[in-house]
């Protein structure tokens, strides 16, 4: 059993918090009638506790997609040193207090509304599982994987890879 699987839920949450804390942009993938759709989203500056928060406008395709199928994936890449893939269930949240808590004046330029505007909503992703890779350098990892698979069978440090179930 790997060392990662021996961690408590709180330790796993802290690990994910550290991996995504400096990543402003996430890639949110939703399920559409035609397949999968991925778009960039700004992660809210809130301490990760097992949930992710995003602002969006109510009348968007992603809200329709989440209403029809709440299964989502959220991806993060941090300076080519870590990759995080989060599987969860999204829900639409229309809570004025929560919007004001998470609001940043810079969002007014992005959404052209203020925090009290009813067309502005929150997406909350309840995280079910997280898979992450830490390598120190994507180039190093890609080279090491290629070398291991194509050139020789030498022992190679491929970094850390772990899957964490948070909805237990």
Protein backbone atom coordinates (compact mmCIF):
# COMPACT_ATOMS: atom_id res chain seq x y z
CA UNK A 1 0.00 0.00 0.00
CA UNK A 2 1.39 3.38 -0.94
CA UNK A 3 2.09 6.02 1.67
CA UNK A 4 -0.55 8.32 0.15
CA UNK A 5 -3.38 5.86 0.86
CA UNK A 6 -2.49 5.81 4.57
CA UNK A 7 -3.29 9.50 4.95
CA UNK A 8 -6.49 10.65 6.65
CA UNK A 9 -9.17 12.51 4.69
CA UNK A 10 -7.98 15.77 6.26
CA UNK A 11 -4.40 15.07 5.17
CA UNK A 12 -5.58 14.30 1.63
CA UNK A 13 -7.58 17.54 1.56
CA UNK A 14 -4.50 19.43 2.74
CA UNK A 15 -2.41 17.79 0.01
CA UNK A 16 -4.90 18.84 -2.67
CA UNK A 17 -5.09 22.33 -1.11
CA UNK A 18 -1.32 22.68 -1.47
CA UNK A 19 -1.36 21.42 -5.06
CA UNK A 20 -4.06 23.84 -6.29
CA UNK A 21 -3.56 26.86 -4.02
CA UNK A 22 -1.56 28.93 -6.53
CA UNK A 23 -3.57 27.90 -9.59
CA UNK A 24 -5.92 30.71 -10.55
CA UNK A 25 -7.36 28.97 -13.60
CA UNK A 26 -9.05 25.59 -13.66
CA UNK A 27 -10.43 23.62 -16.59
CA UNK A 28 -14.04 22.64 -15.94
CA UNK A 29 -15.35 19.74 -18.03
CA UNK A 30 -19.08 19.13 -18.29
CA UNK A 31 -21.13 16.51 -20.11
CA UNK A 32 -23.10 17.77 -23.13
CA UNK A 33 -25.46 15.96 -25.50
CA UNK A 34 -22.57 15.92 -28.01
CA UNK A 35 -19.89 14.71 -25.57
CA UNK A 36 -17.57 16.58 -23.22
CA UNK A 37 -17.03 20.34 -23.08
CA UNK A 38 -14.07 21.95 -21.31
CA UNK A 39 -13.68 25.63 -20.51
CA UNK A 40 -11.40 27.74 -18.33
CA UNK A 41 -12.79 28.99 -15.02
CA UNK A 42 -11.37 31.21 -12.30
CA UNK A 43 -11.05 29.32 -9.02
CA UNK A 44 -12.32 31.36 -6.10
CA UNK A 45 -9.78 32.35 -3.49
CA UNK A 46 -11.16 30.21 -0.75
CA UNK A 47 -9.40 27.56 1.29
CA UNK A 48 -10.06 24.17 -0.33
CA UNK A 49 -12.05 22.02 2.11
CA UNK A 50 -13.34 19.36 -0.29
CA UNK A 51 -15.48 21.76 -2.35
CA UNK A 52 -14.56 24.08 -5.22
CA UNK A 53 -16.37 27.32 -6.05
CA UNK A 54 -16.73 29.18 -9.34
CA UNK A 55 -18.71 32.24 -10.44
CA UNK A 56 -20.68 32.14 -13.67
CA UNK A 57 -23.70 33.70 -15.26
CA UNK A 58 -27.02 31.88 -14.98
CA UNK A 59 -27.83 31.82 -18.70
CA UNK A 60 -24.82 29.84 -19.93
CA UNK A 61 -24.44 26.47 -21.59
CA UNK A 62 -22.42 25.13 -18.65
CA UNK A 63 -25.31 25.79 -16.24
CA UNK A 64 -27.71 23.95 -18.55
CA UNK A 65 -25.23 21.07 -18.88
CA UNK A 66 -24.75 20.82 -15.09
CA UNK A 67 -28.51 20.93 -14.53
CA UNK A 68 -28.94 18.04 -16.96
CA UNK A 69 -25.90 16.07 -15.79
CA UNK A 70 -24.02 17.29 -12.69
CA UNK A 71 -20.97 15.04 -13.22
CA UNK A 72 -17.91 17.24 -13.82
CA UNK A 73 -14.14 17.13 -13.89
CA UNK A 74 -11.90 20.01 -12.86
CA UNK A 75 -8.27 20.04 -13.97
CA UNK A 76 -5.32 22.08 -12.72
CA UNK A 77 -1.75 22.38 -13.97
CA UNK A 78 0.69 24.14 -11.67
CA UNK A 79 3.86 25.49 -13.28
CA UNK A 80 4.53 22.14 -14.95
CA UNK A 81 5.23 20.60 -11.55
CA UNK A 82 1.89 19.09 -10.67
CA UNK A 83 -1.29 18.05 -12.37
CA UNK A 84 -4.57 17.61 -10.52
CA UNK A 85 -7.72 15.98 -11.90
CA UNK A 86 -10.80 16.35 -9.71
CA UNK A 87 -13.97 14.35 -10.26
CA UNK A 88 -17.11 15.65 -8.62
CA UNK A 89 -20.72 16.67 -8.75
CA UNK A 90 -21.59 20.28 -9.50
CA UNK A 91 -24.56 22.20 -8.26
CA UNK A 92 -25.88 25.68 -8.93
CA UNK A 93 -25.89 27.88 -5.83
CA UNK A 94 -27.87 31.11 -5.70
CA UNK A 95 -26.77 32.37 -2.28
CA UNK A 96 -26.25 36.15 -2.07
CA UNK A 97 -24.23 35.93 1.15
CA UNK A 98 -21.86 33.34 -0.33
CA UNK A 99 -21.49 35.40 -3.51
CA UNK A 100 -20.58 38.48 -1.46
CA UNK A 101 -18.14 36.42 0.63
CA UNK A 102 -16.29 35.21 -2.48
CA UNK A 103 -16.66 38.39 -4.55
CA UNK A 104 -13.67 40.33 -5.80
CA UNK A 105 -14.05 43.73 -7.52
CA UNK A 106 -12.04 42.39 -10.47
CA UNK A 107 -14.99 40.12 -11.32
CA UNK A 108 -17.10 43.16 -12.23
CA UNK A 109 -14.94 43.62 -15.33
CA UNK A 110 -15.21 39.93 -16.21
CA UNK A 111 -18.95 39.48 -15.70
CA UNK A 112 -20.11 43.09 -16.14
CA UNK A 113 -22.31 42.72 -13.02
CA UNK A 114 -21.88 43.08 -9.27
CA UNK A 115 -22.20 40.40 -6.60
CA UNK A 116 -25.88 41.18 -5.97
CA UNK A 117 -26.94 40.74 -9.58
CA UNK A 118 -29.37 37.77 -9.80
CA UNK A 119 -27.88 36.70 -13.14
CA UNK A 120 -24.59 35.91 -11.32
CA UNK A 121 -24.54 32.50 -9.65
CA UNK A 122 -22.06 30.14 -8.08
CA UNK A 123 -21.12 26.65 -9.14
CA UNK A 124 -20.15 24.43 -6.25
CA UNK A 125 -18.25 21.25 -7.05
CA UNK A 126 -18.52 18.61 -4.34
CA UNK A 127 -15.29 16.72 -4.81
CA UNK A 128 -15.58 12.94 -4.95
CA UNK A 129 -12.08 11.92 -5.94
CA UNK A 130 -8.78 13.50 -6.87
CA UNK A 131 -5.94 12.11 -8.91
CA UNK A 132 -2.71 14.02 -8.89
CA UNK A 133 0.75 13.77 -10.31
CA UNK A 134 3.78 15.54 -8.91
CA UNK A 135 6.98 15.40 -10.86
CA UNK A 136 9.05 18.52 -10.37
CA UNK A 137 9.21 18.89 -14.14
CA UNK A 138 6.90 17.67 -16.85
CA UNK A 139 9.77 17.56 -19.30
CA UNK A 140 11.80 15.38 -16.92
CA UNK A 141 8.84 13.07 -16.39
CA UNK A 142 8.05 12.78 -20.08
CA UNK A 143 11.69 12.01 -20.81
CA UNK A 144 11.87 9.43 -18.03
CA UNK A 145 8.67 7.72 -19.12
CA UNK A 146 9.83 7.60 -22.73
CA UNK A 147 13.23 6.26 -21.67
CA UNK A 148 11.68 3.61 -19.48
CA UNK A 149 9.22 2.50 -22.14
CA UNK A 150 11.28 2.86 -25.29
CA UNK A 151 14.99 2.69 -24.52
CA UNK A 152 15.69 0.60 -21.48
CA UNK A 153 14.09 -0.99 -18.49
CA UNK A 154 16.07 1.02 -15.93
CA UNK A 155 14.47 2.13 -12.69
CA UNK A 156 13.12 5.62 -13.24
CA UNK A 157 11.71 8.20 -10.83
CA UNK A 158 8.33 9.01 -12.32
CA UNK A 159 7.30 11.32 -9.47
CA UNK A 160 4.25 10.83 -7.30
CA UNK A 161 0.88 9.67 -8.56
CA UNK A 162 -2.04 9.07 -6.23
CA UNK A 163 -5.80 8.79 -6.36
CA UNK A 164 -7.75 10.01 -3.35
CA UNK A 165 -11.42 9.32 -2.66
CA UNK A 166 -12.85 12.27 -0.68
CA UNK A 167 -16.52 11.32 -0.59
CA UNK A 168 -16.00 8.44 1.83
